[in-house]
Amino acid sequence: MSNSNGTPPYQPAAGQPALSSADDKLWASLSHFGNIIPLIPALIIYLVFKDRGTLVRQESTEALNWTINVTGIIVVGNIVAGVLGLIPVFGWIIGLLIGLIIWAVVIVNLVFAIVGGVRVNGGGSYRYPVNFRWIK
């Protein structure tokens, strides 16, 4: 038997109680709100609750994929800016520009995290634009 979208009906993992619909929505929205702090909150919610509710599985996977991308951009950007910062004048200018890009990514992450949390808390679903999905 499958749902209308062709996926099998959701079953919680053995030994773990399924979340109530209110808790499912709460943890799903918290996975997005948690992206204000990159990586850790979304990862914890995904690992702990993904097998206990349909909505939290869907939304925590989306939030985790987004925060993996953001964290990667921040780490790589800081490394490149640090290395280029060792080059006098030209390297400092490029390093400063990369630093500004990193701040733009942080601000965009903050906005998307809030929008995602609000949408899911309101009963909807949220998909981040330009999100490479590492985890299916």
C-alpha atoms as a PDB file:
ATOM      1  CA  MET A   1       0.000   0.000   0.000  1.00  0.00           C
ATOM      2  CA  SER A   2       1.333   3.460  -0.837  1.00  0.00           C
ATOM      3  CA  ASN A   3       0.372   7.091  -0.360  1.00  0.00           C
ATOM      4  CA  SER A   4      -0.954   9.292  -3.160  1.00  0.00           C
ATOM      5  CA  ASN A   5       2.601  10.333  -4.079  1.00  0.00           C
ATOM      6  CA  GLY A   6       3.723   6.705  -4.508  1.00  0.00           C
ATOM      7  CA  THR A   7       5.772   6.426  -1.320  1.00  0.00           C
ATOM      8  CA  PRO A   8       5.083   3.659   1.169  1.00  0.00           C
ATOM      9  CA  PRO A   9       3.132   4.695   4.277  1.00  0.00           C
ATOM     10  CA  TYR A  10       5.349   6.013   7.070  1.00  0.00           C
ATOM     11  CA  GLN A  11       6.278   3.627   9.856  1.00  0.00           C
ATOM     12  CA  PRO A  12       8.418   4.693  12.845  1.00  0.00           C
ATOM     13  CA  ALA A  13      11.596   2.726  13.537  1.00  0.00           C
ATOM     14  CA  ALA A  14      11.243  -0.263  15.846  1.00  0.00           C
ATOM     15  CA  GLY A  15      11.397   0.721  19.501  1.00  0.00           C
ATOM     16  CA  GLN A  16      10.788   4.416  18.869  1.00  0.00           C
ATOM     17  CA  PRO A  17       7.393   5.992  19.456  1.00  0.00           C
ATOM     18  CA  ALA A  18       5.973   8.044  16.616  1.00  0.00           C
ATOM     19  CA  LEU A  19       5.700  11.774  17.224  1.00  0.00           C
ATOM     20  CA  SER A  20       2.300  13.368  17.610  1.00  0.00           C
ATOM     21  CA  SER A  21       1.354  15.668  14.736  1.00  0.00           C
ATOM     22  CA  ALA A  22       2.026  18.721  16.922  1.00  0.00           C
ATOM     23  CA  ASP A  23       5.473  17.446  17.931  1.00  0.00           C
ATOM     24  CA  ASP A  24       6.208  16.452  14.339  1.00  0.00           C
ATOM     25  CA  LYS A  25       5.435  20.015  13.188  1.00  0.00           C
ATOM     26  CA  LEU A  26       7.391  21.515  16.119  1.00  0.00           C
ATOM     27  CA  TRP A  27      10.593  19.571  15.429  1.00  0.00           C
ATOM     28  CA  ALA A  28      10.250  20.130  11.688  1.00  0.00           C
ATOM     29  CA  SER A  29      10.041  23.904  12.180  1.00  0.00           C
ATOM     30  CA  LEU A  30      12.871  23.851  14.736  1.00  0.00           C
ATOM     31  CA  SER A  31      15.106  22.138  12.188  1.00  0.00           C
ATOM     32  CA  HIS A  32      14.754  25.238   9.998  1.00  0.00           C
ATOM     33  CA  PHE A  33      14.981  27.755  12.847  1.00  0.00           C
ATOM     34  CA  GLY A  34      18.071  25.894  14.080  1.00  0.00           C
ATOM     35  CA  ASN A  35      19.884  26.795  10.866  1.00  0.00           C
ATOM     36  CA  ILE A  36      20.539  30.181  12.432  1.00  0.00           C
ATOM     37  CA  ILE A  37      23.436  28.255  13.996  1.00  0.00           C
ATOM     38  CA  PRO A  38      24.916  26.337  11.065  1.00  0.00           C
ATOM     39  CA  LEU A  39      25.017  22.530  10.989  1.00  0.00           C
ATOM     40  CA  ILE A  40      24.655  21.326  14.596  1.00  0.00           C
ATOM     41  CA  PRO A  41      20.907  21.841  15.372  1.00  0.00           C
ATOM     42  CA  ALA A  42      19.717  20.491  12.008  1.00  0.00           C
ATOM     43  CA  LEU A  43      22.058  17.504  12.283  1.00  0.00           C
ATOM     44  CA  ILE A  44      20.893  16.646  15.806  1.00  0.00           C
ATOM     45  CA  ILE A  45      17.203  16.948  14.892  1.00  0.00           C
ATOM     46  CA  TYR A  46      17.753  14.848  11.761  1.00  0.00           C
ATOM     47  CA  LEU A  47      19.589  12.083  13.628  1.00  0.00           C
ATOM     48  CA  VAL A  48      17.225  11.957  16.613  1.00  0.00           C
ATOM     49  CA  PHE A  49      13.805  12.490  15.004  1.00  0.00           C
ATOM     50  CA  LYS A  50      14.017  11.448  11.322  1.00  0.00           C
ATOM     51  CA  ASP A  51      12.543   8.019  12.013  1.00  0.00           C
ATOM     52  CA  ARG A  52       9.744   9.288  14.223  1.00  0.00           C
ATOM     53  CA  GLY A  53       7.676  11.521  11.949  1.00  0.00           C
ATOM     54  CA  THR A  54       7.031  12.121   8.278  1.00  0.00           C
ATOM     55  CA  LEU A  55       7.156  15.915   8.380  1.00  0.00           C
ATOM     56  CA  VAL A  56      10.247  16.089  10.568  1.00  0.00           C
ATOM     57  CA  ARG A  57      12.040  13.630   8.259  1.00  0.00           C
ATOM     58  CA  GLN A  58      11.226  15.704   5.175  1.00  0.00           C
ATOM     59  CA  GLU A  59      11.968  19.111   6.681  1.00  0.00           C
ATOM     60  CA  SER A  60      15.047  18.151   8.720  1.00  0.00           C
ATOM     61  CA  THR A  61      16.566  16.561   5.603  1.00  0.00           C
ATOM     62  CA  GLU A  62      15.965  19.767   3.656  1.00  0.00           C
ATOM     63  CA  ALA A  63      17.320  21.937   6.482  1.00  0.00           C
ATOM     64  CA  LEU A  64      20.378  19.721   6.937  1.00  0.00           C
ATOM     65  CA  ASN A  65      21.170  19.784   3.226  1.00  0.00           C
ATOM     66  CA  TRP A  66      20.961  23.578   3.232  1.00  0.00           C
ATOM     67  CA  THR A  67      23.163  23.988   6.293  1.00  0.00           C
ATOM     68  CA  ILE A  68      25.782  21.569   4.909  1.00  0.00           C
ATOM     69  CA  ASN A  69      26.060  23.832   1.858  1.00  0.00           C
ATOM     70  CA  VAL A  70      26.203  27.026   3.926  1.00  0.00           C
ATOM     71  CA  THR A  71      28.780  25.593   6.322  1.00  0.00           C
ATOM     72  CA  GLY A  72      30.914  24.434   3.392  1.00  0.00           C
ATOM     73  CA  ILE A  73      30.812  27.874   1.782  1.00  0.00           C
ATOM     74  CA  ILE A  74      31.757  29.560   5.058  1.00  0.00           C
ATOM     75  CA  VAL A  75      34.652  27.186   5.783  1.00  0.00           C
ATOM     76  CA  VAL A  76      36.077  27.236   2.251  1.00  0.00           C
ATOM     77  CA  GLY A  77      35.608  31.008   1.989  1.00  0.00           C
ATOM     78  CA  ASN A  78      37.459  31.613   5.257  1.00  0.00           C
ATOM     79  CA  ILE A  79      40.329  29.349   4.208  1.00  0.00           C
ATOM     80  CA  VAL A  80      40.667  31.055   0.818  1.00  0.00           C
ATOM     81  CA  ALA A  81      40.405  34.537   2.383  1.00  0.00           C
ATOM     82  CA  GLY A  82      43.042  33.603   4.968  1.00  0.00           C
ATOM     83  CA  VAL A  83      45.467  32.299   2.358  1.00  0.00           C
ATOM     84  CA  LEU A  84      44.923  35.270   0.061  1.00  0.00           C
ATOM     85  CA  GLY A  85      45.299  37.592   3.039  1.00  0.00           C
ATOM     86  CA  LEU A  86      48.959  36.586   3.176  1.00  0.00           C
ATOM     87  CA  ILE A  87      49.554  38.264  -0.200  1.00  0.00           C
ATOM     88  CA  PRO A  88      50.184  42.003   0.241  1.00  0.00           C
ATOM     89  CA  VAL A  89      47.659  44.516  -1.125  1.00  0.00           C
ATOM     90  CA  PHE A  90      45.991  42.509  -3.945  1.00  0.00           C
ATOM     91  CA  GLY A  91      45.452  39.487  -1.701  1.00  0.00           C
ATOM     92  CA  TRP A  92      44.032  41.682   1.043  1.00  0.00           C
ATOM     93  CA  ILE A  93      41.532  43.227  -1.341  1.00  0.00           C
ATOM     94  CA  ILE A  94      40.399  39.819  -2.654  1.00  0.00           C
ATOM     95  CA  GLY A  95      40.315  38.475   0.909  1.00  0.00           C
ATOM     96  CA  LEU A  96      38.112  41.387   1.952  1.00  0.00           C
ATOM     97  CA  LEU A  97      35.736  40.740  -0.954  1.00  0.00           C
ATOM     98  CA  ILE A  98      35.519  37.062  -0.026  1.00  0.00           C
ATOM     99  CA  GLY A  99      34.818  38.128   3.568  1.00  0.00           C
ATOM    100  CA  LEU A 100      31.925  40.270   2.341  1.00  0.00           C
ATOM    101  CA  ILE A 101      30.575  37.323   0.351  1.00  0.00           C
ATOM    102  CA  ILE A 102      30.749  35.164   3.482  1.00  0.00           C
ATOM    103  CA  TRP A 103      28.746  37.767   5.407  1.00  0.00           C
ATOM    104  CA  ALA A 104      26.174  37.853   2.604  1.00  0.00           C
ATOM    105  CA  VAL A 105      25.846  34.049   2.835  1.00  0.00           C
ATOM    106  CA  VAL A 106      25.371  34.312   6.616  1.00  0.00           C
ATOM    107  CA  ILE A 107      22.620  36.922   6.204  1.00  0.00           C
ATOM    108  CA  VAL A 108      20.869  34.919   3.460  1.00  0.00           C
ATOM    109  CA  ASN A 109      21.065  31.837   5.708  1.00  0.00           C
ATOM    110  CA  LEU A 110      19.482  33.763   8.570  1.00  0.00           C
ATOM    111  CA  VAL A 111      16.615  34.987   6.377  1.00  0.00           C
ATOM    112  CA  PHE A 112      15.959  31.562   4.822  1.00  0.00           C
ATOM    113  CA  ALA A 113      16.099  29.837   8.226  1.00  0.00           C
ATOM    114  CA  ILE A 114      13.446  32.166   9.616  1.00  0.00           C
ATOM    115  CA  VAL A 115      11.251  31.929   6.503  1.00  0.00           C
ATOM    116  CA  GLY A 116      11.521  28.122   6.509  1.00  0.00           C
ATOM    117  CA  GLY A 117      10.700  27.824  10.201  1.00  0.00           C
ATOM    118  CA  VAL A 118       7.703  30.149   9.913  1.00  0.00           C
ATOM    119  CA  ARG A 119       6.319  28.333   6.846  1.00  0.00           C
ATOM    120  CA  VAL A 120       6.628  24.892   8.411  1.00  0.00           C
ATOM    121  CA  ASN A 121       5.224  26.115  11.723  1.00  0.00           C
ATOM    122  CA  GLY A 122       2.265  27.505   9.773  1.00  0.00           C
ATOM    123  CA  GLY A 123       1.526  24.044   8.405  1.00  0.00           C
ATOM    124  CA  GLY A 124       3.346  24.227   5.083  1.00  0.00           C
ATOM    125  CA  SER A 125       6.597  22.935   3.707  1.00  0.00           C
ATOM    126  CA  TYR A 126       9.762  24.794   2.713  1.00  0.00           C
ATOM    127  CA  ARG A 127      12.351  24.168   0.008  1.00  0.00           C
ATOM    128  CA  TYR A 128      15.495  26.255  -0.001  1.00  0.00           C
ATOM    129  CA  PRO A 129      16.337  27.773  -3.386  1.00  0.00           C
ATOM    130  CA  VAL A 130      19.629  26.620  -4.912  1.00  0.00           C
ATOM    131  CA  ASN A 131      20.048  23.747  -2.466  1.00  0.00           C
ATOM    132  CA  PHE A 132      22.352  20.898  -3.434  1.00  0.00           C
ATOM    133  CA  ARG A 133      20.810  17.864  -1.742  1.00  0.00           C
ATOM    134  CA  TRP A 134      23.562  15.712  -0.223  1.00  0.00           C
ATOM    135  CA  ILE A 135      21.153  13.587   1.818  1.00  0.00           C
ATOM    136  CA  LYS A 136      18.114  12.083   0.111  1.00  0.00           C
END
